[in-house]
C-alpha atoms as a PDB file:
ATOM      1  CA  MET A   1      23.119 -10.899 -24.581  1.00  0.00           C
ATOM      2  CA  ILE A   2      19.412 -12.593 -22.867  1.00  0.00           C
ATOM      3  CA  THR A   3      15.885 -10.962 -24.529  1.00  0.00           C
ATOM      4  CA  ARG A   4      13.522  -9.487 -22.434  1.00  0.00           C
ATOM      5  CA  LEU A   5      11.624 -12.383 -24.039  1.00  0.00           C
ATOM      6  CA  HIS A   6      13.955 -14.622 -21.458  1.00  0.00           C
ATOM      7  CA  GLN A   7      13.889 -12.282 -18.813  1.00  0.00           C
ATOM      8  CA  PRO A   8      12.313 -13.666 -15.513  1.00  0.00           C
ATOM      9  CA  LYS A   9       8.607 -11.965 -15.067  1.00  0.00           C
ATOM     10  CA  ILE A  10       8.785  -9.618 -12.125  1.00  0.00           C
ATOM     11  CA  THR A  11       6.168  -9.876  -9.122  1.00  0.00           C
ATOM     12  CA  LEU A  12       4.782  -6.979  -7.856  1.00  0.00           C
ATOM     13  CA  TYR A  13       3.420  -7.475  -4.283  1.00  0.00           C
ATOM     14  CA  CYS A  14       0.238  -5.148  -3.734  1.00  0.00           C
ATOM     15  CA  LEU A  15      -0.400  -3.936  -0.143  1.00  0.00           C
ATOM     16  CA  PRO A  16      -3.975  -2.979   0.405  1.00  0.00           C
ATOM     17  CA  PHE A  17      -5.677   0.258   2.530  1.00  0.00           C
ATOM     18  CA  ALA A  18      -7.367   0.001   5.558  1.00  0.00           C
ATOM     19  CA  GLY A  19     -10.553  -2.810   5.271  1.00  0.00           C
ATOM     20  CA  GLY A  20      -8.596  -3.800   2.320  1.00  0.00           C
ATOM     21  CA  ASN A  21      -8.157  -7.311   0.662  1.00  0.00           C
ATOM     22  CA  ALA A  22      -6.553  -8.956  -1.745  1.00  0.00           C
ATOM     23  CA  LEU A  23      -9.601  -8.771  -4.626  1.00  0.00           C
ATOM     24  CA  SER A  24      -8.981  -4.633  -4.354  1.00  0.00           C
ATOM     25  CA  TYR A  25      -6.506  -5.403  -6.224  1.00  0.00           C
ATOM     26  CA  ARG A  26      -8.412  -7.695  -8.660  1.00  0.00           C
ATOM     27  CA  ASP A  27      -8.454  -5.695 -11.996  1.00  0.00           C
ATOM     28  CA  PHE A  28      -4.578  -4.274 -11.669  1.00  0.00           C
ATOM     29  CA  GLN A  29      -3.555  -7.614 -13.312  1.00  0.00           C
ATOM     30  CA  THR A  30      -5.213  -6.645 -17.434  1.00  0.00           C
ATOM     31  CA  HIS A  31      -3.143  -3.338 -16.894  1.00  0.00           C
ATOM     32  CA  VAL A  32       0.332  -4.651 -16.700  1.00  0.00           C
ATOM     33  CA  THR A  33       2.457  -6.147 -19.232  1.00  0.00           C
ATOM     34  CA  GLU A  34       2.623  -9.888 -19.404  1.00  0.00           C
ATOM     35  CA  GLN A  35       6.010  -9.557 -17.685  1.00  0.00           C
ATOM     36  CA  VAL A  36       4.567  -8.570 -14.677  1.00  0.00           C
ATOM     37  CA  HIS A  37       2.681 -10.606 -12.284  1.00  0.00           C
ATOM     38  CA  ILE A  38       0.356  -8.144  -9.744  1.00  0.00           C
ATOM     39  CA  LYS A  39       0.497 -10.513  -6.256  1.00  0.00           C
ATOM     40  CA  PRO A  40      -1.410  -8.830  -3.754  1.00  0.00           C
ATOM     41  CA  LEU A  41      -0.957  -9.400  -0.023  1.00  0.00           C
ATOM     42  CA  ASP A  42      -3.784 -10.392   2.091  1.00  0.00           C
ATOM     43  CA  LEU A  43      -3.503  -9.760   6.449  1.00  0.00           C
ATOM     44  CA  PRO A  44      -4.729 -11.763   8.531  1.00  0.00           C
ATOM     45  CA  GLY A  45      -8.384 -11.114   9.446  1.00  0.00           C
ATOM     46  CA  HIS A  46      -8.834 -10.337   5.694  1.00  0.00           C
ATOM     47  CA  GLY A  47      -9.390 -11.197   3.080  1.00  0.00           C
ATOM     48  CA  LYS A  48      -9.104 -15.262   2.567  1.00  0.00           C
ATOM     49  CA  ARG A  49      -7.215 -14.927   6.059  1.00  0.00           C
ATOM     50  CA  ILE A  50     -11.357 -13.511   7.203  1.00  0.00           C
ATOM     51  CA  LYS A  51     -10.610 -16.354   9.709  1.00  0.00           C
ATOM     52  CA  GLU A  52      -7.340 -15.535  11.685  1.00  0.00           C
ATOM     53  CA  PRO A  53      -7.360 -13.054  14.037  1.00  0.00           C
ATOM     54  CA  LEU A  54      -6.873  -9.415  12.996  1.00  0.00           C
ATOM     55  CA  LEU A  55      -3.506  -7.607  13.915  1.00  0.00           C
ATOM     56  CA  THR A  56      -3.845  -4.258  15.421  1.00  0.00           C
ATOM     57  CA  LYS A  57      -0.055  -3.670  15.467  1.00  0.00           C
ATOM     58  CA  LEU A  58       2.482  -2.638  12.192  1.00  0.00           C
ATOM     59  CA  GLU A  59       4.811  -4.438  13.906  1.00  0.00           C
ATOM     60  CA  THR A  60       3.167  -7.615  14.364  1.00  0.00           C
ATOM     61  CA  ILE A  61       1.733  -7.266  10.045  1.00  0.00           C
ATOM     62  CA  ILE A  62       4.753  -6.211   8.680  1.00  0.00           C
ATOM     63  CA  ASP A  63       6.091  -9.578  10.315  1.00  0.00           C
ATOM     64  CA  ASP A  64       2.873 -11.600   9.575  1.00  0.00           C
ATOM     65  CA  LEU A  65       4.013  -9.745   5.710  1.00  0.00           C
ATOM     66  CA  PHE A  66       7.562 -10.323   5.359  1.00  0.00           C
ATOM     67  CA  HIS A  67       6.901 -14.592   6.573  1.00  0.00           C
ATOM     68  CA  GLN A  68       5.029 -14.338   3.276  1.00  0.00           C
ATOM     69  CA  VAL A  69       7.503 -12.999   0.772  1.00  0.00           C
ATOM     70  CA  GLN A  70      10.536 -13.466   2.442  1.00  0.00           C
ATOM     71  CA  GLU A  71      11.568 -16.804   0.738  1.00  0.00           C
ATOM     72  CA  SER A  72      10.240 -15.889  -3.288  1.00  0.00           C
ATOM     73  CA  ILE A  73      11.971 -12.284  -2.938  1.00  0.00           C
ATOM     74  CA  LYS A  74      15.616 -14.956  -2.675  1.00  0.00           C
ATOM     75  CA  SER A  75      15.080 -15.430  -6.347  1.00  0.00           C
ATOM     76  CA  GLN A  76      12.458 -13.576  -8.154  1.00  0.00           C
ATOM     77  CA  PRO A  77      13.105  -9.736  -9.072  1.00  0.00           C
ATOM     78  CA  TYR A  78       9.796  -8.419  -7.544  1.00  0.00           C
ATOM     79  CA  ALA A  79       9.118  -4.599  -6.458  1.00  0.00           C
ATOM     80  CA  ILE A  80       5.916  -3.172  -3.634  1.00  0.00           C
ATOM     81  CA  TYR A  81       3.208  -1.322  -4.165  1.00  0.00           C
ATOM     82  CA  GLY A  82       0.996   0.131  -0.996  1.00  0.00           C
ATOM     83  CA  HIS A  83      -2.591   3.207  -1.382  1.00  0.00           C
ATOM     84  CA  SER A  84      -3.634   4.785   2.108  1.00  0.00           C
ATOM     85  CA  MET A  85      -2.166   2.422   4.977  1.00  0.00           C
ATOM     86  CA  GLY A  86      -0.459  -0.123   2.019  1.00  0.00           C
ATOM     87  CA  ALA A  87       1.659   2.557   1.699  1.00  0.00           C
ATOM     88  CA  LEU A  88       2.868   2.706   5.313  1.00  0.00           C
ATOM     89  CA  VAL A  89       3.114  -0.656   5.002  1.00  0.00           C
ATOM     90  CA  GLY A  90       5.278  -0.904   1.697  1.00  0.00           C
ATOM     91  CA  TYR A  91       7.708   1.475   3.245  1.00  0.00           C
ATOM     92  CA  LEU A  92       7.869  -0.659   6.615  1.00  0.00           C
ATOM     93  CA  LEU A  93       8.282  -3.801   5.174  1.00  0.00           C
ATOM     94  CA  THR A  94      11.671  -2.974   2.822  1.00  0.00           C
ATOM     95  CA  LYS A  95      12.934  -1.459   5.706  1.00  0.00           C
ATOM     96  CA  HIS A  96      12.608  -5.272   6.961  1.00  0.00           C
ATOM     97  CA  ILE A  97      13.525  -6.961   4.180  1.00  0.00           C
ATOM     98  CA  LEU A  98      16.783  -4.130   3.951  1.00  0.00           C
ATOM     99  CA  SER A  99      17.371  -5.359   6.933  1.00  0.00           C
ATOM    100  CA  ALA A 100      17.494  -9.118   6.793  1.00  0.00           C
ATOM    101  CA  GLY A 101      20.367  -8.783   3.800  1.00  0.00           C
ATOM    102  CA  LEU A 102      17.382  -9.748   1.096  1.00  0.00           C
ATOM    103  CA  PRO A 103      17.275  -8.583  -2.265  1.00  0.00           C
ATOM    104  CA  THR A 104      16.064  -4.293  -2.600  1.00  0.00           C
ATOM    105  CA  PRO A 105      12.383  -4.570  -4.508  1.00  0.00           C
ATOM    106  CA  ARG A 106      13.045  -2.883  -8.056  1.00  0.00           C
ATOM    107  CA  HIS A 107      11.292  -0.571  -6.855  1.00  0.00           C
ATOM    108  CA  LEU A 108       8.371   1.168  -4.210  1.00  0.00           C
ATOM    109  CA  PHE A 109       5.659   2.691  -5.694  1.00  0.00           C
ATOM    110  CA  LEU A 110       3.008   4.205  -3.169  1.00  0.00           C
ATOM    111  CA  SER A 111      -0.222   6.635  -2.893  1.00  0.00           C
ATOM    112  CA  GLY A 112      -2.191   8.250  -0.707  1.00  0.00           C
ATOM    113  CA  LYS A 113      -0.147   8.293   2.512  1.00  0.00           C
ATOM    114  CA  GLU A 114       1.551  11.482   3.226  1.00  0.00           C
ATOM    115  CA  ALA A 115       5.693  10.136   4.928  1.00  0.00           C
ATOM    116  CA  PRO A 116       6.244   8.658   7.787  1.00  0.00           C
ATOM    117  CA  SER A 117       7.932  11.179   9.608  1.00  0.00           C
ATOM    118  CA  GLN A 118       5.496  13.574   9.218  1.00  0.00           C
ATOM    119  CA  THR A 119       3.003  13.611  12.578  1.00  0.00           C
ATOM    120  CA  ASN A 120      -0.652  13.174  12.764  1.00  0.00           C
ATOM    121  CA  HIS A 121      -2.587  15.501  14.704  1.00  0.00           C
ATOM    122  CA  LYS A 122      -5.445  14.220  13.769  1.00  0.00           C
ATOM    123  CA  PRO A 123      -8.459  12.857  16.367  1.00  0.00           C
ATOM    124  CA  HIS A 124      -7.672   8.306  15.940  1.00  0.00           C
ATOM    125  CA  LYS A 125     -10.476   7.697  14.167  1.00  0.00           C
ATOM    126  CA  HIS A 126     -10.443   3.611  15.798  1.00  0.00           C
ATOM    127  CA  ARG A 127     -12.007   5.524  19.289  1.00  0.00           C
ATOM    128  CA  LEU A 128     -14.439   6.955  18.109  1.00  0.00           C
ATOM    129  CA  PRO A 129     -18.079   5.845  18.343  1.00  0.00           C
ATOM    130  CA  LYS A 130     -19.920   3.472  16.039  1.00  0.00           C
ATOM    131  CA  THR A 131     -21.651   6.239  13.812  1.00  0.00           C
ATOM    132  CA  ASN A 132     -19.017   8.925  13.745  1.00  0.00           C
ATOM    133  CA  PHE A 133     -16.655   6.063  13.139  1.00  0.00           C
ATOM    134  CA  LEU A 134     -18.326   4.831  10.085  1.00  0.00           C
ATOM    135  CA  ASP A 135     -18.741   8.240   8.956  1.00  0.00           C
ATOM    136  CA  LYS A 136     -15.219   8.929   8.475  1.00  0.00           C
ATOM    137  CA  ILE A 137     -14.332   5.563   6.786  1.00  0.00           C
ATOM    138  CA  ASN A 138     -17.540   6.958   4.491  1.00  0.00           C
ATOM    139  CA  GLU A 139     -16.051  10.810   3.818  1.00  0.00           C
ATOM    140  CA  LEU A 140     -13.236   8.841   2.458  1.00  0.00           C
ATOM    141  CA  GLY A 141     -14.141   6.591  -0.282  1.00  0.00           C
ATOM    142  CA  GLY A 142     -13.694   3.511  -1.639  1.00  0.00           C
ATOM    143  CA  ILE A 143     -16.269   1.493   0.281  1.00  0.00           C
ATOM    144  CA  PRO A 144     -18.975   0.028  -2.433  1.00  0.00           C
ATOM    145  CA  HIS A 145     -22.571   1.069  -1.864  1.00  0.00           C
ATOM    146  CA  GLU A 146     -23.728  -2.659  -1.413  1.00  0.00           C
ATOM    147  CA  ILE A 147     -21.367  -2.748   2.156  1.00  0.00           C
ATOM    148  CA  LEU A 148     -22.229   1.129   3.101  1.00  0.00           C
ATOM    149  CA  GLU A 149     -26.837   0.525   2.058  1.00  0.00           C
ATOM    150  CA  HIS A 150     -26.427  -3.004   4.415  1.00  0.00           C
ATOM    151  CA  ALA A 151     -26.550  -2.620   8.113  1.00  0.00           C
ATOM    152  CA  GLU A 152     -25.117  -6.602   8.686  1.00  0.00           C
ATOM    153  CA  LEU A 153     -22.352  -6.032   5.990  1.00  0.00           C
ATOM    154  CA  MET A 154     -21.223  -3.295   7.116  1.00  0.00           C
ATOM    155  CA  ASP A 155     -21.579  -4.613  11.391  1.00  0.00           C
ATOM    156  CA  PHE A 156     -18.704  -7.277  10.469  1.00  0.00           C
ATOM    157  CA  PHE A 157     -16.799  -4.789   8.389  1.00  0.00           C
ATOM    158  CA  GLU A 158     -16.769  -2.508  10.607  1.00  0.00           C
ATOM    159  CA  PRO A 159     -13.920  -4.910  13.528  1.00  0.00           C
ATOM    160  CA  ILE A 160     -11.645  -4.973  10.383  1.00  0.00           C
ATOM    161  CA  PHE A 161     -11.177  -1.018   9.543  1.00  0.00           C
ATOM    162  CA  ARG A 162     -11.052  -0.213  13.688  1.00  0.00           C
ATOM    163  CA  ALA A 163      -7.766  -2.419  13.713  1.00  0.00           C
ATOM    164  CA  ASP A 164      -6.415  -0.981  10.388  1.00  0.00           C
ATOM    165  CA  PHE A 165      -6.950   2.275  11.617  1.00  0.00           C
ATOM    166  CA  LYS A 166      -5.409   1.583  15.155  1.00  0.00           C
ATOM    167  CA  ALA A 167      -2.545  -0.293  13.843  1.00  0.00           C
ATOM    168  CA  ILE A 168      -2.110   2.988  11.308  1.00  0.00           C
ATOM    169  CA  GLU A 169      -3.152   5.311  13.959  1.00  0.00           C
ATOM    170  CA  THR A 170      -0.913   4.134  16.984  1.00  0.00           C
ATOM    171  CA  TYR A 171       2.612   3.311  15.145  1.00  0.00           C
ATOM    172  CA  VAL A 172       5.288   6.138  16.250  1.00  0.00           C
ATOM    173  CA  TYR A 173       7.971   7.230  13.812  1.00  0.00           C
ATOM    174  CA  HIS A 174      12.105   6.786  14.242  1.00  0.00           C
ATOM    175  CA  PRO A 175      14.498   7.907  11.735  1.00  0.00           C
ATOM    176  CA  THR A 176      16.412   5.979  10.426  1.00  0.00           C
ATOM    177  CA  PRO A 177      19.159   6.172   7.622  1.00  0.00           C
ATOM    178  CA  PRO A 178      17.450   6.812   3.979  1.00  0.00           C
ATOM    179  CA  MET A 179      17.684   3.894   1.750  1.00  0.00           C
ATOM    180  CA  ASP A 180      19.248   3.573  -1.782  1.00  0.00           C
ATOM    181  CA  MET A 181      16.207   2.932  -4.020  1.00  0.00           C
ATOM    182  CA  PRO A 182      13.571   4.362  -6.220  1.00  0.00           C
ATOM    183  CA  ILE A 183      10.234   5.966  -5.278  1.00  0.00           C
ATOM    184  CA  THR A 184       7.473   6.777  -7.357  1.00  0.00           C
ATOM    185  CA  PHE A 185       4.727   7.950  -4.963  1.00  0.00           C
ATOM    186  CA  LEU A 186       1.162   8.312  -6.912  1.00  0.00           C
ATOM    187  CA  HIS A 187      -0.771  11.414  -5.197  1.00  0.00           C
ATOM    188  CA  GLY A 188      -4.655  12.698  -5.887  1.00  0.00           C
ATOM    189  CA  LEU A 189      -4.173  16.211  -6.996  1.00  0.00           C
ATOM    190  CA  THR A 190      -7.827  16.366  -4.887  1.00  0.00           C
ATOM    191  CA  ASP A 191      -6.657  13.728  -1.745  1.00  0.00           C
ATOM    192  CA  PRO A 192      -7.431  15.132   1.998  1.00  0.00           C
ATOM    193  CA  GLU A 193      -4.900  13.069   3.097  1.00  0.00           C
ATOM    194  CA  VAL A 194      -1.860  14.205   1.494  1.00  0.00           C
ATOM    195  CA  SER A 195      -0.925  17.243   1.559  1.00  0.00           C
ATOM    196  CA  GLU A 196       2.118  19.004  -0.568  1.00  0.00           C
ATOM    197  CA  SER A 197       4.636  18.920   2.148  1.00  0.00           C
ATOM    198  CA  GLY A 198       3.561  15.477   3.328  1.00  0.00           C
ATOM    199  CA  LEU A 199       4.038  14.380   0.097  1.00  0.00           C
ATOM    200  CA  GLN A 200       7.525  15.605  -1.079  1.00  0.00           C
ATOM    201  CA  ALA A 201       8.836  14.503   3.291  1.00  0.00           C
ATOM    202  CA  TRP A 202       9.183  11.340   1.041  1.00  0.00           C
ATOM    203  CA  GLN A 203      12.424  12.761  -0.282  1.00  0.00           C
ATOM    204  CA  GLN A 204      14.070  11.672   3.069  1.00  0.00           C
ATOM    205  CA  GLU A 205      13.288   8.180   2.886  1.00  0.00           C
ATOM    206  CA  THR A 206      15.736   7.841   0.228  1.00  0.00           C
ATOM    207  CA  ARG A 207      18.686   8.797  -1.407  1.00  0.00           C
ATOM    208  CA  GLN A 208      17.469   8.900  -4.577  1.00  0.00           C
ATOM    209  CA  PRO A 209      15.369  11.851  -6.379  1.00  0.00           C
ATOM    210  CA  ILE A 210      11.692  10.262  -6.088  1.00  0.00           C
ATOM    211  CA  SER A 211       9.580  10.497  -8.798  1.00  0.00           C
ATOM    212  CA  ILE A 212       5.882  12.227  -8.159  1.00  0.00           C
ATOM    213  CA  LYS A 213       3.212  11.108 -10.688  1.00  0.00           C
ATOM    214  CA  LYS A 214      -0.069  13.349  -9.939  1.00  0.00           C
ATOM    215  CA  PHE A 215      -3.552  12.356 -11.410  1.00  0.00           C
ATOM    216  CA  LYS A 216      -7.524  13.993 -10.865  1.00  0.00           C
ATOM    217  CA  GLY A 217      -9.268  12.598  -8.588  1.00  0.00           C
ATOM    218  CA  ASP A 218      -9.180  11.810  -4.430  1.00  0.00           C
ATOM    219  CA  HIS A 219      -8.064   9.341  -2.374  1.00  0.00           C
ATOM    220  CA  PHE A 220      -9.024   6.798  -3.611  1.00  0.00           C
ATOM    221  CA  PHE A 221      -8.213   8.058  -7.568  1.00  0.00           C
ATOM    222  CA  ILE A 222      -6.376   4.954  -7.970  1.00  0.00           C
ATOM    223  CA  PHE A 223      -9.246   3.320  -9.780  1.00  0.00           C
ATOM    224  CA  ASP A 224     -10.274   5.858 -11.911  1.00  0.00           C
ATOM    225  CA  HIS A 225      -6.830   5.162 -13.690  1.00  0.00           C
ATOM    226  CA  LEU A 226      -6.226   1.856 -13.848  1.00  0.00           C
ATOM    227  CA  PRO A 227      -4.944   2.072 -17.092  1.00  0.00           C
ATOM    228  CA  GLN A 228      -2.663   4.161 -16.422  1.00  0.00           C
ATOM    229  CA  ILE A 229      -1.220   3.409 -13.326  1.00  0.00           C
ATOM    230  CA  GLY A 230      -0.841  -0.179 -14.552  1.00  0.00           C
ATOM    231  CA  GLN A 231       0.871   1.127 -17.988  1.00  0.00           C
ATOM    232  CA  LEU A 232       3.462   3.548 -15.262  1.00  0.00           C
ATOM    233  CA  PHE A 233       4.161  -0.181 -13.371  1.00  0.00           C
ATOM    234  CA  SER A 234       5.045  -2.189 -16.340  1.00  0.00           C
ATOM    235  CA  HIS A 235       7.326   0.604 -18.381  1.00  0.00           C
ATOM    236  CA  THR A 236       9.138   1.230 -14.650  1.00  0.00           C
ATOM    237  CA  LEU A 237       9.735  -2.002 -13.971  1.00  0.00           C
ATOM    238  CA  THR A 238      10.434  -3.726 -17.914  1.00  0.00           C
ATOM    239  CA  ARG A 239      12.727  -0.416 -18.109  1.00  0.00           C
ATOM    240  CA  GLN A 240      14.828  -1.312 -15.044  1.00  0.00           C
ATOM    241  CA  ALA A 241      14.902  -4.650 -15.973  1.00  0.00           C
END
């Protein structure tokens, strides 16, 4: 019998929210067990890849992420986590991986985003004039005050936010057969971006019962509950190992 100590580490690929990058998840590793390796991924034009052209279509974003993970997931256990934009990206990346015949993720963790089947009737943010657009971004939270109060930094980040929101807001959902894998949805109780019906609609994307974990907080509640979320990741993934 192989003991837990000799089992391979489980890589948890973390996908960023709009405007985010790999550094957004820099504190997650300290809150998970040693058996879980947090691996944040950067998109072109973000983080360490800031000099690369931004992408404005989810299809090309998924292709980029797939090329980042396709070799490693063939030989090591893994799971996927995404928040907000990252939740939609994580779902689509998982579908792409499965369609390529590669190993299924141990688990899909999602937060901050309604199910892809839910039609978004809100006006597209990426088309708003600069002042209105930045106001909407500010309302969501998650941007450090040192950036919000620095006009040059906001000028720098604005096209990054616009590209990400364009990718999300121009995405068209196409129904596909449900996956057969576990999904856990983490929900901020006062998150204005996720309705109860939009949350429950994730169930149609998998044949297994989804697990819903609720936390106090709004859209970026995850950063207020890192110990609890890290424990959830660790317990869920090591229990499945």
